[in-house]
Protein backbone atom coordinates (compact mmCIF):
# COMPACT_ATOMS: atom_id res chain seq x y z
CA MET A 1 -13.24 -25.25 0.65
CA ARG A 2 -10.05 -26.58 1.76
CA ALA A 3 -6.53 -25.49 0.45
CA THR A 4 -3.88 -28.04 -0.44
CA PRO A 5 -0.08 -27.39 -0.25
CA LEU A 6 -0.08 -27.02 -3.60
CA VAL A 7 -2.56 -24.22 -3.81
CA PHE A 8 0.06 -22.39 -2.38
CA LEU A 9 3.15 -23.60 -4.12
CA LEU A 10 0.93 -22.59 -7.19
CA CYS A 11 0.78 -18.86 -6.04
CA ALA A 12 4.34 -18.44 -5.10
CA ALA A 13 4.74 -19.76 -8.50
CA LEU A 14 2.49 -17.47 -10.45
CA GLY A 15 4.28 -14.30 -8.18
CA VAL A 16 0.43 -13.75 -7.16
CA VAL A 17 0.62 -11.70 -3.69
CA ALA A 18 -3.08 -10.70 -3.25
CA CYS A 19 -6.56 -12.18 -3.42
CA ALA A 20 -8.99 -10.54 -5.71
CA LYS A 21 -12.62 -9.81 -4.72
CA LYS A 22 -14.24 -12.69 -6.60
CA ASN A 23 -11.99 -15.55 -5.29
CA SER A 24 -13.74 -14.88 -2.06
CA GLU A 25 -16.96 -15.97 -4.08
CA HIS A 26 -15.79 -19.37 -4.57
CA GLY A 27 -15.70 -20.23 -0.52
CA ALA A 28 -13.34 -19.67 2.21
CA VAL A 29 -9.92 -20.60 0.91
CA ALA A 30 -8.77 -19.19 -2.48
CA GLU A 31 -8.45 -22.26 -4.47
CA SER A 32 -6.01 -23.55 -7.11
CA THR A 33 -5.99 -21.25 -9.86
CA PRO A 34 -6.62 -17.67 -7.62
CA ALA A 35 -7.26 -14.37 -9.91
CA LYS A 36 -4.44 -11.99 -10.77
CA PRO A 37 -4.40 -9.40 -7.94
CA GLU A 38 -6.09 -6.44 -8.56
CA THR A 39 -3.42 -3.61 -7.78
CA ARG A 40 -2.58 -0.12 -8.71
CA ALA A 41 -0.62 1.06 -11.95
CA PRO A 42 2.38 2.98 -11.96
CA ALA A 43 1.91 6.75 -11.84
CA GLN A 44 -2.10 6.30 -10.93
CA GLN A 45 -4.09 7.88 -8.46
CA ARG A 46 -7.07 6.09 -6.59
CA THR A 47 -9.79 8.24 -7.21
CA GLU A 48 -12.65 7.66 -4.90
CA GLY A 49 -16.02 6.22 -6.90
CA THR A 50 -13.18 4.38 -9.37
CA ASP A 51 -11.94 0.96 -9.14
CA LYS A 52 -8.73 -0.50 -9.33
CA PRO A 53 -7.16 -1.44 -13.07
CA LYS A 54 -6.93 -5.17 -13.11
CA ILE A 55 -2.87 -5.74 -13.00
CA ALA A 56 -1.07 -8.31 -11.28
CA SER A 57 2.61 -8.45 -9.72
CA LEU A 58 5.42 -10.46 -11.51
CA ALA A 59 8.35 -11.76 -8.88
CA THR A 60 11.66 -11.13 -10.27
CA GLU A 61 14.61 -13.44 -9.44
CA ASN A 62 15.67 -11.11 -6.47
CA GLY A 63 12.65 -11.61 -4.78
CA SER A 64 11.00 -8.28 -5.64
CA GLU A 65 8.07 -7.52 -7.83
CA THR A 66 7.44 -5.67 -10.83
CA VAL A 67 3.90 -4.79 -12.25
CA GLU A 68 2.73 -6.38 -15.47
CA GLU A 69 -0.52 -6.73 -17.42
CA ASN A 70 -3.36 -9.60 -16.45
CA SER A 71 -1.86 -11.39 -19.95
CA GLY A 72 0.15 -14.28 -21.15
CA ASP A 73 1.79 -11.81 -24.20
CA SER A 74 5.03 -11.29 -23.16
CA SER A 75 5.30 -8.13 -25.36
CA THR A 76 2.58 -6.66 -23.64
CA HIS A 77 4.81 -7.55 -20.59
CA SER A 78 7.84 -5.51 -21.52
CA ALA A 79 5.74 -2.74 -22.74
CA LEU A 80 4.43 -2.38 -19.05
CA LEU A 81 7.71 -2.89 -17.61
CA ALA A 82 8.87 -0.37 -19.81
CA ALA A 83 6.57 2.08 -19.03
CA VAL A 84 7.23 1.53 -14.89
CA SER A 85 11.00 2.27 -15.57
CA SER A 86 9.84 5.21 -17.66
CA THR A 87 7.48 6.57 -14.81
CA VAL A 88 10.32 6.71 -12.10
CA THR A 89 12.64 8.30 -14.12
CA SER A 90 10.11 10.92 -16.00
CA ALA A 91 10.58 14.70 -15.09
CA ASN A 92 6.75 14.68 -14.14
CA ALA A 93 6.81 12.16 -11.82
CA ALA A 94 6.11 13.24 -8.34
CA GLU A 95 8.56 13.61 -5.70
CA PRO A 96 9.62 10.81 -3.92
CA LEU A 97 9.45 10.18 -0.57
CA LYS A 98 12.30 11.02 1.66
CA GLY A 99 13.30 7.96 4.11
CA PRO A 100 15.77 4.96 4.28
CA THR A 101 14.43 4.20 0.94
CA LEU A 102 13.39 6.53 -2.00
CA TRP A 103 9.57 5.18 -2.65
CA GLN A 104 8.25 6.54 -5.64
CA GLU A 105 4.47 7.80 -5.46
CA GLY A 106 2.48 6.11 -8.72
CA VAL A 107 4.68 3.17 -8.33
CA ASN A 108 5.33 2.10 -4.47
CA TYR A 109 2.07 3.56 -3.45
CA SER A 110 -0.78 5.67 -4.44
CA ARG A 111 -2.73 8.52 -3.31
CA LEU A 112 -6.40 8.75 -2.59
CA VAL A 113 -8.08 11.53 -4.28
CA PRO A 114 -9.91 13.20 -2.56
CA ALA A 115 -8.15 11.79 0.87
CA GLN A 116 -11.04 10.32 3.29
CA PRO A 117 -11.29 11.20 6.96
CA THR A 118 -10.00 8.71 9.73
CA ASP A 119 -11.10 7.79 12.67
CA VAL A 120 -7.94 8.56 14.84
CA PRO A 121 -7.61 11.31 17.63
CA ALA A 122 -5.28 14.34 16.65
CA GLY A 123 -1.71 13.50 16.51
CA GLN A 124 -2.37 9.78 15.57
CA VAL A 125 -1.69 8.60 12.07
CA GLU A 126 -4.29 6.18 11.04
CA VAL A 127 -3.15 2.41 9.24
CA LEU A 128 -5.96 0.10 7.99
CA GLU A 129 -5.25 -3.48 6.73
CA PHE A 130 -7.98 -4.81 4.65
CA PHE A 131 -7.60 -8.52 4.72
CA TRP A 132 -9.72 -11.87 4.55
CA TYR A 133 -8.75 -14.58 6.36
CA GLY A 134 -9.32 -16.97 3.59
CA CYS A 135 -6.57 -15.49 1.65
CA PRO A 136 -3.16 -17.10 1.57
CA HIS A 137 -1.70 -13.87 0.78
CA CYS A 138 -3.13 -12.51 4.25
CA ASN A 139 -1.79 -15.68 5.81
CA ALA A 140 1.58 -15.70 4.80
CA LEU A 141 1.91 -12.05 5.58
CA GLU A 142 0.18 -12.13 8.84
CA PRO A 143 3.32 -12.91 10.93
CA THR A 144 5.08 -9.79 9.50
CA ILE A 145 2.05 -7.78 9.90
CA GLU A 146 1.53 -8.84 13.93
CA ALA A 147 5.29 -8.27 14.41
CA TRP A 148 5.63 -4.92 13.28
CA ALA A 149 2.00 -3.85 15.19
CA LYS A 150 4.13 -4.99 18.20
CA THR A 151 6.55 -2.47 17.29
CA LYS A 152 5.60 0.23 15.44
CA PRO A 153 5.40 3.94 16.85
CA SER A 154 3.37 4.64 19.36
CA TYR A 155 1.60 7.66 16.95
CA VAL A 156 0.16 4.89 14.74
CA THR A 157 -3.09 3.63 15.34
CA PHE A 158 -3.43 0.01 13.51
CA THR A 159 -6.70 -1.38 12.42
CA ARG A 160 -7.47 -4.59 10.86
CA VAL A 161 -10.76 -4.22 8.48
CA PRO A 162 -11.88 -7.60 7.38
CA VAL A 163 -13.46 -7.73 3.99
CA LEU A 164 -16.99 -8.84 3.58
CA TRP A 165 -17.84 -9.42 0.25
CA ASN A 166 -20.42 -12.09 0.44
CA ALA A 167 -22.28 -14.42 2.93
CA GLY A 168 -18.73 -16.87 3.51
CA ASP A 169 -16.35 -13.51 4.12
CA ARG A 170 -19.53 -11.88 6.37
CA ALA A 171 -18.98 -14.76 8.71
CA LEU A 172 -15.51 -14.51 8.61
CA GLY A 173 -15.85 -10.81 9.59
CA ARG A 174 -18.37 -11.61 12.16
CA LEU A 175 -15.94 -13.86 13.65
CA TYR A 176 -13.06 -11.51 13.77
CA TYR A 177 -15.63 -8.73 15.41
CA THR A 178 -17.44 -11.07 18.13
CA VAL A 179 -13.49 -12.10 19.19
CA GLN A 180 -12.25 -8.66 19.43
CA SER A 181 -15.31 -7.82 21.60
CA LEU A 182 -14.68 -10.85 23.60
CA GLY A 183 -10.84 -9.18 24.00
CA LYS A 184 -9.00 -12.34 22.76
CA ILE A 185 -8.64 -11.44 18.77
CA ASP A 186 -4.74 -10.81 19.72
CA GLU A 187 -4.53 -14.19 21.05
CA LEU A 188 -6.63 -15.54 18.09
CA GLN A 189 -5.74 -13.51 15.16
CA ALA A 190 -3.04 -16.03 14.17
CA ALA A 191 -4.71 -19.24 15.51
CA ILE A 192 -7.93 -18.44 13.03
CA PHE A 193 -5.21 -18.16 9.89
CA LYS A 194 -4.03 -21.41 11.21
CA GLU A 195 -7.12 -22.94 11.74
CA ILE A 196 -8.33 -22.51 8.08
CA HIS A 197 -4.69 -22.76 6.39
CA VAL A 198 -2.84 -25.28 7.87
CA ASN A 199 -5.71 -27.45 9.64
CA GLY A 200 -7.71 -26.94 6.94
CA ASP A 201 -11.34 -25.76 8.57
CA PRO A 202 -12.92 -22.92 6.64
CA LEU A 203 -14.73 -22.00 9.96
CA ILE A 204 -17.65 -21.77 7.49
CA GLY A 205 -19.89 -24.64 5.94
CA ALA A 206 -20.14 -26.05 2.64
CA ASP A 207 -22.90 -23.84 2.16
CA PRO A 208 -21.44 -20.42 2.41
CA GLU A 209 -25.38 -19.10 2.86
CA ASN A 210 -25.62 -21.73 5.83
CA ALA A 211 -25.08 -19.00 8.75
CA ALA A 212 -25.99 -21.14 11.48
CA GLU A 213 -23.78 -23.66 10.66
CA ALA A 214 -20.82 -20.85 10.45
CA GLU A 215 -21.91 -20.10 13.64
CA ARG A 216 -21.46 -23.68 14.96
CA MET A 217 -18.36 -24.18 13.51
CA GLN A 218 -16.71 -20.81 14.44
CA ALA A 219 -18.48 -21.80 18.89
CA VAL A 220 -16.68 -25.33 18.46
CA PHE A 221 -13.10 -23.92 17.44
CA VAL A 222 -13.04 -20.86 19.95
CA ARG A 223 -14.27 -23.44 23.04
CA LYS A 224 -10.37 -24.39 22.67
CA TYR A 225 -9.07 -20.96 23.67
CA GLY A 226 -11.50 -20.68 26.74
CA ILE A 227 -14.81 -18.75 25.10
CA SER A 228 -17.89 -20.25 26.58
CA GLU A 229 -20.20 -21.32 23.63
CA GLN A 230 -23.06 -19.04 25.11
CA ASP A 231 -20.70 -15.91 25.40
CA PHE A 232 -19.77 -16.41 21.78
CA ARG A 233 -23.51 -16.79 20.74
CA ALA A 234 -24.71 -13.68 22.37
CA LYS A 235 -22.18 -11.58 21.14
CA TYR A 236 -22.22 -13.02 17.68
CA GLU A 237 -26.20 -12.98 17.68
CA HIS A 238 -26.71 -10.11 19.65
CA ASP A 239 -24.04 -7.40 20.26
CA MET A 240 -24.70 -4.04 18.83
CA GLY A 241 -21.27 -3.45 19.07
CA VAL A 242 -21.03 -6.39 16.29
CA GLU A 243 -23.04 -5.43 14.16
CA THR A 244 -21.82 -1.86 14.37
CA ALA A 245 -18.39 -2.69 13.30
CA LEU A 246 -19.29 -4.97 10.41
CA GLN A 247 -21.77 -2.08 8.82
CA HIS A 248 -18.44 0.53 9.71
CA ALA A 249 -15.95 -2.25 7.53
CA ASP A 250 -18.43 -2.22 4.48
CA GLU A 251 -18.46 1.35 4.23
CA LEU A 252 -14.63 1.28 4.43
CA ALA A 253 -14.40 -1.34 1.92
CA GLU A 254 -16.72 0.89 -0.14
CA ARG A 255 -15.11 3.87 -0.08
CA TYR A 256 -11.94 2.99 -0.44
CA ARG A 257 -12.77 0.58 -3.48
CA VAL A 258 -10.99 -2.26 -2.08
CA THR A 259 -11.10 -4.80 -4.41
CA SER A 260 -7.84 -7.32 -3.36
CA VAL A 261 -6.44 -7.90 -0.33
CA PRO A 262 -4.12 -7.45 1.45
CA ASP A 263 -4.28 -3.77 1.11
CA PHE A 264 -3.00 -0.75 3.39
CA VAL A 265 -4.57 2.68 3.63
CA VAL A 266 -2.42 5.27 5.61
CA ASN A 267 -4.17 8.09 7.08
CA GLY A 268 -6.79 7.84 4.74
CA LYS A 269 -4.70 9.50 2.05
CA PHE A 270 -1.93 6.70 0.48
CA VAL A 271 -2.91 3.02 -0.37
CA ALA A 272 -0.22 0.01 -0.76
CA ASP A 273 0.27 -3.49 -0.71
CA VAL A 274 3.36 -6.17 -0.88
CA ALA A 275 3.50 -5.81 -4.90
CA THR A 276 3.70 -2.07 -5.13
CA ALA A 277 6.39 -1.78 -2.45
CA GLY A 278 8.13 -5.17 -3.43
CA SER A 279 8.38 -7.43 -0.59
CA PRO A 280 6.63 -7.73 2.99
CA GLU A 281 9.68 -6.24 4.37
CA ARG A 282 9.84 -3.69 2.08
CA LEU A 283 5.83 -3.15 2.68
CA ILE A 284 6.70 -2.51 6.43
CA SER A 285 9.42 -0.01 5.18
CA LEU A 286 6.79 1.56 3.25
CA LEU A 287 4.66 1.72 6.19
CA ASN A 288 7.14 3.15 8.47
CA ASP A 289 8.22 5.82 5.70
CA LEU A 290 4.67 7.23 5.08
CA THR A 291 3.48 7.05 9.00
CA ALA A 292 6.73 9.41 10.05
CA ALA A 293 6.00 11.68 7.02
CA GLU A 294 2.33 12.26 8.01
CA HIS A 295 2.99 12.69 11.66
CA LYS A 296 5.49 15.30 10.48
CA ARG A 297 2.92 17.50 9.09
């Protein structure tokens, strides 16, 4: 399926800042009435083996975002917004993360219980971004994340993890790991998003189950960037490193119960997204403060 500019205008008007898992079942790009994002409720831990509550963000006039229930009932909205306020001021609220901004655990980010092991050397702090190439919100956030990845502290190991919720997602995830294995992901990451969201090429066929058609379309696309079809297909179909990476991506998404993207996990302990942080810029500040605090431990 192809997204149109109207899709993104509608998403912006609704204040939707994430793509939920069920959106990806309808094609390579989220369509005109995407589901509300599933993100963390105030003062709630994400416990391994449980799903996130279904709530969404509401953009305010100053560009920040508050949390509201996925409902049209204004009284319910008000009650939830009041709950956010009371959580922040509660004497029982978690100690704020100290940095240039005071971040409240359970409001701006949530804690994973139990904390999960990471895949980085001692002294490094891991940041995972779960993303989907078909997600307009991942696409909108990509320039901010790409800039941060170039300037992040040296002690931060940043890893993107494509979600593989269905056959179409898996084909796009396979594209990601194939291009990465060919040493071209830094060059093509933004280009892949552009091909899907600007050029209207979903990089999978009309039938997401048709893996051969997805492979053909992707081989045509990467040729424009100097990757031969033979090299691409050899990695895409037969490389054990690609297969292992796909399996690991599945395991990580299951471990962290990822049901919406973009979603960020810091050092196996904390989870945040644009909605909880308040804006893309605040998300970067939050990631910097969380990783700095972890590095000092």
